[in-house]
N, C-alpha and C. Protein backbone atom coordinates (compact mmCIF):
# COMPACT_ATOMS: atom_id res chain seq x y z
N MET A 1 0.62 -1.50 0.07
CA MET A 1 0.01 0.08 -0.09
C MET A 1 0.72 1.17 0.11
N CYS A 2 1.83 1.31 0.74
CA CYS A 2 3.01 2.32 1.10
C CYS A 2 4.10 2.50 -0.51
N LYS A 3 3.96 1.58 -1.12
CA LYS A 3 4.39 1.49 -2.29
C LYS A 3 5.93 1.65 -1.94
N GLU A 4 6.92 0.94 -0.93
CA GLU A 4 8.15 1.14 -0.11
C GLU A 4 8.58 -0.24 -0.60
N ASN A 5 9.68 -0.05 -0.59
CA ASN A 5 10.98 -1.44 -0.57
C ASN A 5 11.32 -1.29 0.87
N LYS A 6 10.68 -2.53 1.39
CA LYS A 6 10.95 -2.75 2.88
C LYS A 6 11.64 -4.06 3.07
N LEU A 7 12.27 -4.69 4.11
CA LEU A 7 12.95 -5.97 4.65
C LEU A 7 11.58 -6.69 5.27
N ALA A 8 11.96 -8.18 4.73
CA ALA A 8 10.59 -9.39 5.15
C ALA A 8 10.24 -8.65 6.85
N THR A 9 11.29 -8.44 7.33
CA THR A 9 10.67 -8.31 8.99
C THR A 9 9.76 -6.98 9.39
N CYS A 10 9.63 -6.60 8.04
CA CYS A 10 8.51 -5.70 8.39
C CYS A 10 6.90 -6.41 7.85
N PHE A 11 6.82 -7.12 7.36
CA PHE A 11 5.88 -7.84 6.62
C PHE A 11 5.42 -9.26 7.93
N TYR A 12 4.20 -8.99 8.13
CA TYR A 12 3.56 -10.66 8.34
C TYR A 12 3.52 -11.68 7.88
N LYS A 13 4.14 -12.82 8.79
CA LYS A 13 4.56 -13.97 7.92
C LYS A 13 2.66 -14.71 7.01
N ASP A 14 2.88 -15.33 6.07
CA ASP A 14 1.37 -15.57 5.43
C ASP A 14 1.95 -16.71 4.31
N PRO A 15 1.12 -17.55 4.33
CA PRO A 15 1.92 -18.81 4.37
C PRO A 15 1.03 -19.13 3.11
N ASN A 16 0.18 -18.38 2.88
CA ASN A 16 -0.84 -18.48 1.60
C ASN A 16 -0.06 -17.89 0.59
N CYS A 17 0.89 -16.93 0.68
CA CYS A 17 1.46 -16.19 -0.25
C CYS A 17 2.39 -16.73 -1.08
N LYS A 18 3.14 -16.77 -1.97
CA LYS A 18 4.33 -17.32 -2.85
C LYS A 18 5.32 -17.30 -1.48
N ASP A 19 5.82 -16.16 -1.53
CA ASP A 19 7.30 -15.57 -0.84
C ASP A 19 7.01 -15.85 0.89
N GLY A 20 5.84 -16.17 1.71
CA GLY A 20 5.37 -16.91 2.51
C GLY A 20 5.59 -15.24 3.58
N PHE A 21 5.38 -13.76 3.04
CA PHE A 21 5.23 -13.09 3.67
C PHE A 21 4.02 -12.54 3.06
N SER A 22 3.30 -11.31 4.03
CA SER A 22 2.00 -10.77 3.20
C SER A 22 2.30 -9.97 2.38
N SER A 23 1.24 -9.18 1.68
CA SER A 23 1.79 -8.17 0.65
C SER A 23 1.57 -6.63 1.15
N ILE A 24 1.12 -6.29 2.05
CA ILE A 24 0.99 -5.37 3.17
C ILE A 24 1.77 -5.46 4.28
N CYS A 25 2.71 -4.09 4.33
CA CYS A 25 3.61 -3.95 5.56
C CYS A 25 2.51 -3.87 6.73
N LYS A 26 3.87 -4.21 7.56
CA LYS A 26 3.28 -4.45 9.02
C LYS A 26 2.13 -2.85 9.45
N LEU A 27 2.84 -1.69 8.81
CA LEU A 27 2.61 -0.83 9.12
C LEU A 27 0.95 -0.16 9.06
N CYS A 28 1.23 -0.74 7.49
CA CYS A 28 0.33 0.15 6.94
C CYS A 28 -0.98 -1.33 7.13
N LYS A 29 -0.86 -1.96 7.53
CA LYS A 29 -2.00 -3.64 7.95
C LYS A 29 -2.75 -2.57 9.09
N LYS A 30 -1.95 -2.08 10.13
CA LYS A 30 -2.09 -1.66 11.32
C LYS A 30 -3.49 -0.60 11.24
N GLU A 31 -2.77 0.59 10.20
CA GLU A 31 -3.51 1.69 10.02
C GLU A 31 -4.76 1.19 9.38
N TYR A 32 -4.75 0.09 8.51
CA TYR A 32 -6.26 -0.46 7.60
C TYR A 32 -6.70 -0.73 8.64
N ASP A 33 -6.20 -1.88 9.79
CA ASP A 33 -7.81 -2.06 10.46
C ASP A 33 -7.86 -1.14 11.26
N ARG A 34 -7.33 -0.22 12.38
CA ARG A 34 -7.57 1.18 12.84
C ARG A 34 -8.62 1.71 12.23
N ASN A 35 -8.53 2.52 10.98
CA ASN A 35 -9.50 2.46 10.08
C ASN A 35 -10.47 2.24 10.20
N ARG A 36 -10.99 0.63 9.73
CA ARG A 36 -11.96 -0.11 9.95
C ARG A 36 -12.36 -0.62 10.81
N ASN A 37 -11.60 -0.15 12.20
CA ASN A 37 -12.24 -0.78 13.33
C ASN A 37 -13.22 0.41 14.46
N ASN A 38 -12.76 1.55 13.56
CA ASN A 38 -13.36 2.62 14.45
C ASN A 38 -14.20 3.23 13.66
N THR A 39 -15.15 2.21 13.68
CA THR A 39 -16.75 2.88 13.37
C THR A 39 -17.87 2.46 14.08
N TRP A 40 -18.83 3.32 14.38
CA TRP A 40 -20.02 3.22 15.06
C TRP A 40 -20.73 1.73 15.10
N SER A 41 -20.63 1.01 13.91
CA SER A 41 -21.07 -0.14 13.82
C SER A 41 -20.43 -1.23 14.08
N VAL A 42 -19.05 -1.08 14.65
CA VAL A 42 -18.17 -1.81 14.80
C VAL A 42 -18.19 -2.23 16.38
N LEU A 43 -17.91 -1.22 16.92
CA LEU A 43 -18.15 -0.68 18.39
C LEU A 43 -19.75 -1.11 18.87
N ILE A 44 -20.58 -0.49 18.30
CA ILE A 44 -21.76 -1.09 19.34
C ILE A 44 -21.86 -2.71 19.15
N ARG A 45 -21.41 -3.19 18.31
CA ARG A 45 -21.38 -4.27 18.16
C ARG A 45 -21.02 -5.10 19.58
N ALA A 46 -19.50 -4.79 19.46
CA ALA A 46 -18.68 -5.35 20.51
C ALA A 46 -19.40 -4.76 21.53
N GLN A 47 -19.51 -3.85 21.57
CA GLN A 47 -20.39 -3.60 23.48
C GLN A 47 -21.20 -4.69 23.62
N TRP A 48 -22.08 -4.81 22.69
CA TRP A 48 -23.59 -5.44 22.47
C TRP A 48 -22.78 -7.11 22.82
N ARG A 49 -22.28 -7.33 22.25
CA ARG A 49 -21.76 -8.74 22.04
C ARG A 49 -21.10 -8.95 23.64
N ALA A 50 -20.38 -7.83 24.12
CA ALA A 50 -19.85 -8.12 25.50
C ALA A 50 -20.92 -8.16 26.41
N SER A 51 -22.27 -7.39 25.95
CA SER A 51 -23.00 -7.09 27.42
C SER A 51 -23.62 -8.39 27.37
N LEU A 52 -23.74 -9.42 26.50
CA LEU A 52 -24.36 -10.31 26.90
C LEU A 52 -23.87 -11.37 28.21
N VAL A 53 -22.39 -11.24 28.05
CA VAL A 53 -21.93 -12.15 29.70
C VAL A 53 -21.28 -11.72 30.32
N ALA A 54 -21.51 -9.84 30.32
CA ALA A 54 -21.33 -9.24 31.03
C ALA A 54 -21.12 -9.15 32.87
N HIS A 55 -19.96 -9.03 33.20
CA HIS A 55 -20.77 -8.95 35.15
C HIS A 55 -20.72 -10.63 35.63
N GLY A 56 -20.38 -11.43 34.95
CA GLY A 56 -20.76 -12.60 35.56
C GLY A 56 -22.46 -13.41 34.74
N ASN A 57 -22.69 -12.72 33.91
CA ASN A 57 -23.67 -12.86 33.33
C ASN A 57 -24.09 -14.22 32.05
N LYS A 58 -23.49 -15.29 32.68
CA LYS A 58 -23.28 -16.57 32.14
C LYS A 58 -24.92 -17.01 30.85
N ASP A 59 -25.85 -16.58 32.31
CA ASP A 59 -27.03 -17.36 31.59
C ASP A 59 -27.75 -16.05 30.78
N GLU A 60 -27.12 -15.17 30.46
CA GLU A 60 -27.65 -14.11 29.83
C GLU A 60 -28.83 -13.76 30.09
N ILE A 61 -29.28 -13.29 31.12
CA ILE A 61 -30.28 -12.76 31.81
C ILE A 61 -30.33 -11.64 31.79
N ASN A 62 -31.73 -11.26 31.32
CA ASN A 62 -32.33 -9.73 31.41
C ASN A 62 -31.59 -8.87 29.65
N PRO A 63 -31.16 -9.44 28.98
CA PRO A 63 -30.18 -9.46 27.41
C PRO A 63 -30.92 -8.08 26.96
N THR A 64 -30.05 -7.17 26.00
CA THR A 64 -30.36 -6.25 25.13
C THR A 64 -30.53 -7.07 24.02
N THR A 65 -30.67 -6.09 22.96
CA THR A 65 -30.37 -6.70 21.60
C THR A 65 -29.86 -5.55 21.02
N HIS A 66 -29.18 -5.82 20.08
CA HIS A 66 -27.99 -4.39 18.88
C HIS A 66 -28.97 -3.51 18.58
N GLU A 67 -29.95 -4.23 18.25
CA GLU A 67 -30.85 -2.48 17.72
C GLU A 67 -31.17 -1.74 18.72
N GLU A 68 -31.25 -2.25 19.89
CA GLU A 68 -31.91 -1.18 20.96
C GLU A 68 -30.60 -0.69 21.71
N CYS A 69 -29.34 -1.27 21.66
CA CYS A 69 -28.51 -0.42 22.28
C CYS A 69 -28.18 0.53 20.77
N GLU A 70 -28.04 0.46 19.71
CA GLU A 70 -28.13 1.05 18.58
C GLU A 70 -28.61 2.86 18.45
N LYS A 71 -30.19 2.13 19.24
CA LYS A 71 -30.99 3.47 19.27
C LYS A 71 -30.67 3.67 20.41
N LEU A 72 -30.44 3.61 21.53
CA LEU A 72 -29.85 4.10 22.80
C LEU A 72 -29.07 5.53 22.22
N LEU A 73 -28.21 4.94 21.86
CA LEU A 73 -27.12 5.90 20.98
C LEU A 73 -27.33 7.24 20.44
N HIS A 74 -28.31 6.67 19.57
CA HIS A 74 -29.19 8.22 18.59
C HIS A 74 -29.43 9.09 19.68
N GLU A 75 -30.89 8.16 20.64
CA GLU A 75 -31.06 9.01 21.37
C GLU A 75 -30.84 9.68 22.47
N GLN A 76 -29.34 9.27 22.98
CA GLN A 76 -28.69 9.80 23.69
C GLN A 76 -27.70 11.07 23.01
N ASN A 77 -27.60 11.23 21.33
CA ASN A 77 -27.56 12.34 20.19
C ASN A 77 -25.77 11.94 20.59
N TYR A 78 -25.21 10.65 20.69
CA TYR A 78 -24.15 10.41 20.82
C TYR A 78 -23.16 11.20 21.89
N LYS A 79 -23.53 11.00 23.16
CA LYS A 79 -23.07 12.10 24.46
C LYS A 79 -22.80 11.20 25.30
N CYS A 80 -22.09 11.76 26.00
CA CYS A 80 -22.09 10.09 27.54
C CYS A 80 -22.99 11.33 27.82
N ASN A 81 -23.89 10.10 29.02
CA ASN A 81 -25.23 9.92 29.59
C ASN A 81 -24.71 11.04 30.98
N HIS A 82 -23.59 10.82 31.04
CA HIS A 82 -23.45 11.71 32.71
C HIS A 82 -22.85 13.03 32.19
N CYS A 83 -21.48 13.13 31.33
CA CYS A 83 -20.50 14.10 31.67
C CYS A 83 -20.94 15.06 30.01
N LYS A 84 -21.67 14.34 29.00
CA LYS A 84 -22.29 15.14 27.97
C LYS A 84 -20.97 15.14 26.70
N VAL A 85 -19.41 14.86 26.77
CA VAL A 85 -18.44 14.55 26.36
C VAL A 85 -19.80 13.94 24.96
N GLN A 86 -18.80 14.37 23.94
CA GLN A 86 -19.15 13.90 22.92
C GLN A 86 -18.27 12.53 22.40
N LEU A 87 -19.02 11.66 22.07
CA LEU A 87 -19.16 10.26 22.09
C LEU A 87 -17.77 10.18 21.14
N LYS A 88 -16.98 9.12 20.92
CA LYS A 88 -15.93 8.63 20.01
C LYS A 88 -15.85 7.31 19.50
N PRO A 89 -15.64 6.61 18.43
CA PRO A 89 -16.11 5.21 18.03
C PRO A 89 -14.83 4.65 18.20
N ILE A 90 -14.01 5.07 18.51
CA ILE A 90 -12.15 4.59 18.71
C ILE A 90 -12.04 3.48 19.86
N GLN A 91 -11.84 2.41 18.89
CA GLN A 91 -11.09 1.49 20.15
C GLN A 91 -9.96 1.32 20.23
N GLY A 92 -9.23 0.78 21.09
CA GLY A 92 -8.31 1.11 21.94
C GLY A 92 -7.82 -0.46 22.76
N THR A 93 -7.15 -0.37 23.93
CA THR A 93 -6.83 -1.49 24.78
C THR A 93 -7.53 -0.88 26.17
N GLN A 94 -7.30 -1.73 27.01
CA GLN A 94 -8.16 -1.09 28.62
C GLN A 94 -6.80 -0.56 29.02
N VAL A 95 -5.32 -0.52 28.72
CA VAL A 95 -4.09 0.15 28.87
C VAL A 95 -3.83 1.50 28.15
N LYS A 96 -4.05 1.13 27.00
CA LYS A 96 -4.35 2.65 26.09
C LYS A 96 -5.58 2.67 25.52
N CYS A 97 -6.00 3.62 25.79
CA CYS A 97 -7.63 3.74 25.30
C CYS A 97 -8.03 5.29 24.97
N SER A 98 -9.22 5.67 24.30
CA SER A 98 -9.51 7.37 24.10
C SER A 98 -10.40 7.38 25.40
N TRP A 99 -10.30 8.28 26.14
CA TRP A 99 -11.34 8.20 27.30
C TRP A 99 -12.82 8.69 27.07
N GLU A 100 -12.93 9.56 25.56
CA GLU A 100 -14.11 9.43 24.72
C GLU A 100 -14.70 8.70 24.08
N ARG A 101 -14.16 7.32 24.22
CA ARG A 101 -15.40 6.00 23.26
C ARG A 101 -16.30 5.80 24.07
N ALA A 102 -17.50 5.44 23.43
CA ALA A 102 -18.68 5.52 24.11
C ALA A 102 -18.47 3.94 24.49
N SER A 103 -19.08 3.61 25.74
CA SER A 103 -19.63 2.64 26.25
C SER A 103 -20.23 2.45 27.43
N LEU A 104 -20.99 1.19 26.92
CA LEU A 104 -22.16 0.32 27.50
C LEU A 104 -22.56 0.03 28.45
N ASP A 105 -23.36 1.17 29.79
CA ASP A 105 -22.87 0.80 31.15
C ASP A 105 -24.51 0.66 31.50
N ARG A 106 -24.52 -0.07 32.29
CA ARG A 106 -25.38 -0.41 33.33
C ARG A 106 -26.02 0.27 34.10
N ILE A 107 -27.44 1.11 34.26
CA ILE A 107 -27.57 2.13 34.98
C ILE A 107 -28.09 1.85 36.33
N SER A 108 -28.04 0.48 36.62
CA SER A 108 -28.50 -0.18 38.05
C SER A 108 -27.36 -1.58 38.30
N THR A 109 -26.51 -1.31 38.99
CA THR A 109 -25.07 -2.29 38.86
C THR A 109 -25.77 -3.65 39.90
N ASP A 110 -27.44 -3.37 40.45
CA ASP A 110 -28.25 -3.90 41.00
C ASP A 110 -28.87 -5.41 40.40
N ILE A 111 -28.95 -4.37 39.49
CA ILE A 111 -29.77 -5.51 38.15
C ILE A 111 -28.94 -6.16 37.35
N ILE A 112 -29.37 -7.31 37.47
CA ILE A 112 -28.16 -8.50 35.93
C ILE A 112 -28.67 -8.26 34.78
N GLY A 113 -27.61 -7.64 33.60
CA GLY A 113 -28.08 -7.49 32.29
C GLY A 113 -28.38 -5.90 31.67
N TYR A 114 -28.32 -5.90 30.72
CA TYR A 114 -28.58 -4.37 30.13
C TYR A 114 -30.18 -4.31 29.44
N GLY A 115 -30.85 -5.67 30.06
CA GLY A 115 -31.85 -4.66 29.53
C GLY A 115 -32.98 -4.17 29.84
N ASN A 116 -34.66 -4.17 29.14
CA ASN A 116 -35.57 -3.31 30.19
C ASN A 116 -34.68 -1.63 30.77
N GLY A 117 -34.03 -1.34 29.64
CA GLY A 117 -34.49 0.34 30.03
C GLY A 117 -32.76 0.06 31.44
N ASN A 118 -32.42 -0.79 31.46
CA ASN A 118 -31.48 -0.78 32.46
C ASN A 118 -29.85 -0.49 32.02
N ALA A 119 -29.61 -0.10 30.77
CA ALA A 119 -28.78 0.57 29.66
C ALA A 119 -28.52 1.92 29.29
N GLN A 120 -27.09 2.93 29.07
CA GLN A 120 -27.03 4.05 28.84
C GLN A 120 -25.49 3.88 28.35
N TRP A 121 -25.29 5.00 27.42
CA TRP A 121 -24.03 5.18 26.85
C TRP A 121 -23.38 6.17 27.61
N LEU A 122 -21.86 5.73 28.22
CA LEU A 122 -21.23 6.84 28.81
C LEU A 122 -19.73 6.99 28.05
N CYS A 123 -19.02 8.21 28.46
CA CYS A 123 -17.81 7.66 27.83
C CYS A 123 -17.11 6.74 28.96
N VAL A 124 -15.66 5.99 28.28
CA VAL A 124 -14.94 5.45 28.84
C VAL A 124 -14.73 5.67 30.66
N SER A 125 -14.06 7.39 30.33
CA SER A 125 -13.78 7.73 31.80
C SER A 125 -14.97 7.80 32.86
N CYS A 126 -16.19 8.07 32.16
CA CYS A 126 -17.20 7.79 33.64
C CYS A 126 -18.05 6.71 33.92
N ASN A 127 -17.73 5.79 32.59
CA ASN A 127 -17.93 4.60 32.86
C ASN A 127 -17.11 3.85 33.88
N LYS A 128 -15.47 4.13 33.97
CA LYS A 128 -14.70 3.90 35.02
C LYS A 128 -14.82 4.37 36.39
N GLY A 129 -15.34 5.81 36.18
CA GLY A 129 -15.18 6.79 37.47
C GLY A 129 -16.47 5.92 38.01
N LYS A 130 -17.44 5.12 37.46
CA LYS A 130 -18.74 5.41 38.44
C LYS A 130 -18.75 3.51 38.98
N CYS A 131 -17.94 2.89 38.26
CA CYS A 131 -18.00 1.77 39.00
C CYS A 131 -18.99 0.76 39.25
N THR A 132 -19.26 0.69 40.46
CA THR A 132 -20.56 0.16 41.01
C THR A 132 -21.09 1.15 41.98
N MET A 133 -20.92 2.47 41.86
CA MET A 133 -21.48 3.94 42.39
C MET A 133 -23.00 3.91 41.81
N PRO A 134 -23.76 4.11 42.50
CA PRO A 134 -25.21 4.41 42.16
C PRO A 134 -25.19 5.51 40.96
N ASP A 135 -26.53 5.17 40.27
CA ASP A 135 -26.22 6.16 39.25
C ASP A 135 -26.22 7.47 39.56
N GLU A 136 -27.32 7.96 40.40
CA GLU A 136 -27.19 9.03 40.69
C GLU A 136 -26.80 10.20 41.48
N ILE A 137 -25.83 9.38 42.04
CA ILE A 137 -25.09 9.78 43.02
C ILE A 137 -24.04 10.65 41.88
N HIS A 138 -23.68 9.46 40.95
CA HIS A 138 -22.44 9.75 40.12
C HIS A 138 -22.63 10.73 39.09
N LYS A 139 -24.32 11.02 39.11
CA LYS A 139 -24.78 12.24 37.53
C LYS A 139 -24.99 13.56 38.65
N GLU A 140 -24.60 13.58 39.66
CA GLU A 140 -24.69 14.79 40.69
C GLU A 140 -23.47 15.02 40.62
N LYS A 141 -22.52 14.08 41.05
CA LYS A 141 -20.84 14.40 40.92
C LYS A 141 -20.65 15.66 39.86
N PHE A 142 -21.50 14.83 38.82
CA PHE A 142 -21.20 15.71 37.22
C PHE A 142 -21.99 17.61 37.42
N ALA A 143 -22.92 17.07 38.04
CA ALA A 143 -23.99 18.11 38.05
C ALA A 143 -23.52 19.42 39.30
N SER A 144 -22.63 19.00 40.09
CA SER A 144 -22.19 20.24 41.18
C SER A 144 -21.59 20.66 40.37
N ARG A 145 -20.24 19.71 39.55
CA ARG A 145 -19.16 20.55 38.40
C ARG A 145 -19.71 21.83 38.07
N ASP A 146 -20.79 21.20 37.02
CA ASP A 146 -21.39 21.65 36.04
C ASP A 146 -21.65 23.08 37.01
N ARG A 147 -21.96 23.24 37.90
CA ARG A 147 -23.25 24.47 38.47
C ARG A 147 -21.66 25.51 39.07
N LYS A 148 -20.84 24.67 39.22
CA LYS A 148 -19.49 25.68 40.00
C LYS A 148 -18.94 26.27 38.38
N ILE A 149 -18.73 25.30 37.29
CA ILE A 149 -18.14 26.03 36.31
C ILE A 149 -19.16 27.25 35.70
N CYS A 150 -20.51 26.53 35.95
CA CYS A 150 -21.26 27.85 35.17
C CYS A 150 -20.83 29.50 36.16
N LYS A 151 -20.79 29.24 37.45
CA LYS A 151 -21.01 30.76 38.38
C LYS A 151 -19.69 30.96 37.97
N LEU A 152 -18.59 30.20 37.97
CA LEU A 152 -17.65 30.72 37.30
C LEU A 152 -17.55 31.68 35.99
N GLU A 153 -17.83 30.97 35.46
CA GLU A 153 -18.30 31.60 33.63
C GLU A 153 -19.16 32.70 33.96
N ASP A 154 -19.49 32.99 34.81
CA ASP A 154 -20.67 34.44 34.90
C ASP A 154 -19.55 35.27 35.95
N GLU A 155 -18.90 34.81 36.58
CA GLU A 155 -17.62 35.61 37.52
C GLU A 155 -16.76 36.65 36.15
N ILE A 156 -16.02 35.94 34.76
CA ILE A 156 -15.43 35.75 33.91
C ILE A 156 -16.17 37.02 33.55
N ASP A 157 -16.91 36.63 32.93
CA ASP A 157 -18.26 37.84 32.08
C ASP A 157 -18.35 39.05 33.05
N LYS A 158 -18.62 38.99 33.85
CA LYS A 158 -18.39 40.04 34.93
C LYS A 158 -17.63 41.06 35.01
N LEU A 159 -16.36 40.05 34.83
CA LEU A 159 -14.80 40.69 35.19
C LEU A 159 -14.22 41.57 33.83
N ARG A 160 -14.88 40.69 32.39
CA ARG A 160 -14.64 41.17 31.25
C ARG A 160 -15.38 42.56 30.85
N LYS A 161 -16.82 42.29 31.27
CA LYS A 161 -17.40 43.94 31.25
C LYS A 161 -16.62 44.83 32.06
N GLU A 162 -15.98 44.97 33.61
CA GLU A 162 -15.76 45.72 34.02
C GLU A 162 -14.23 46.60 33.27
N LEU A 163 -13.55 45.39 32.70
CA LEU A 163 -12.17 45.29 32.02
C LEU A 163 -12.54 46.39 30.93
N ASN A 164 -13.48 46.24 29.86
CA ASN A 164 -13.98 46.89 28.91
C ASN A 164 -14.51 48.29 29.10
N LYS A 165 -14.98 48.40 30.38
CA LYS A 165 -15.65 49.60 30.88
C LYS A 165 -14.21 50.37 31.68
N LEU A 166 -13.19 50.03 32.45
CA LEU A 166 -12.12 50.78 32.21
C LEU A 166 -11.34 50.81 31.38
N LYS A 167 -11.47 50.15 30.39
CA LYS A 167 -10.32 50.55 29.27
C LYS A 167 -11.49 51.64 28.36
N LEU A 168 -12.63 51.91 28.29
CA LEU A 168 -13.65 53.01 27.55
C LEU A 168 -13.15 54.22 28.38
N ASN A 169 -12.99 53.89 29.89
CA ASN A 169 -12.63 55.21 30.78
C ASN A 169 -11.26 55.26 30.99
N SER A 170 -10.10 54.46 30.21
CA SER A 170 -8.90 55.06 30.03
C SER A 170 -8.49 55.80 28.95
N ILE A 171 -9.98 55.55 27.54
CA ILE A 171 -9.19 56.12 26.59
C ILE A 171 -10.02 57.89 26.18
N GLU A 172 -11.13 58.28 26.72
CA GLU A 172 -11.70 59.03 27.35
C GLU A 172 -10.26 60.14 28.16
């Protein structure tokens, strides 16, 4: 794909190819896979599949459907249900992940499964931060933070207005 001559070590082994190596180099293959996997359809399917047996739910009690997961994400306008950050379909590992990646979460951790309205989409940051904390308590943390931010923004606006008045007075 990159049209560069590279050493054989830069290619994955492939017994189906004549020379025993893939025709696409490792870097190009990783980029191709990253672009292919960073789509909403792949992420929704992966989160839905994981939800079926998550948290020890081996009997698939109270399952949700793939369509319900997709509909819920659309209803939330692709935003985290707690912090309202715009969610992204970026895949990653548990160690190296995008904190804005969409993650399916159970609203009540006391209920097994994600069906019957017990699911919401959160960013990875909120989902990890919430852990087994009740949903309302975690939401209130963000509400109190947002109230503080609004107060600070109001104060900044007042200071800007005062600064503009001072500038106008100094010009005169």
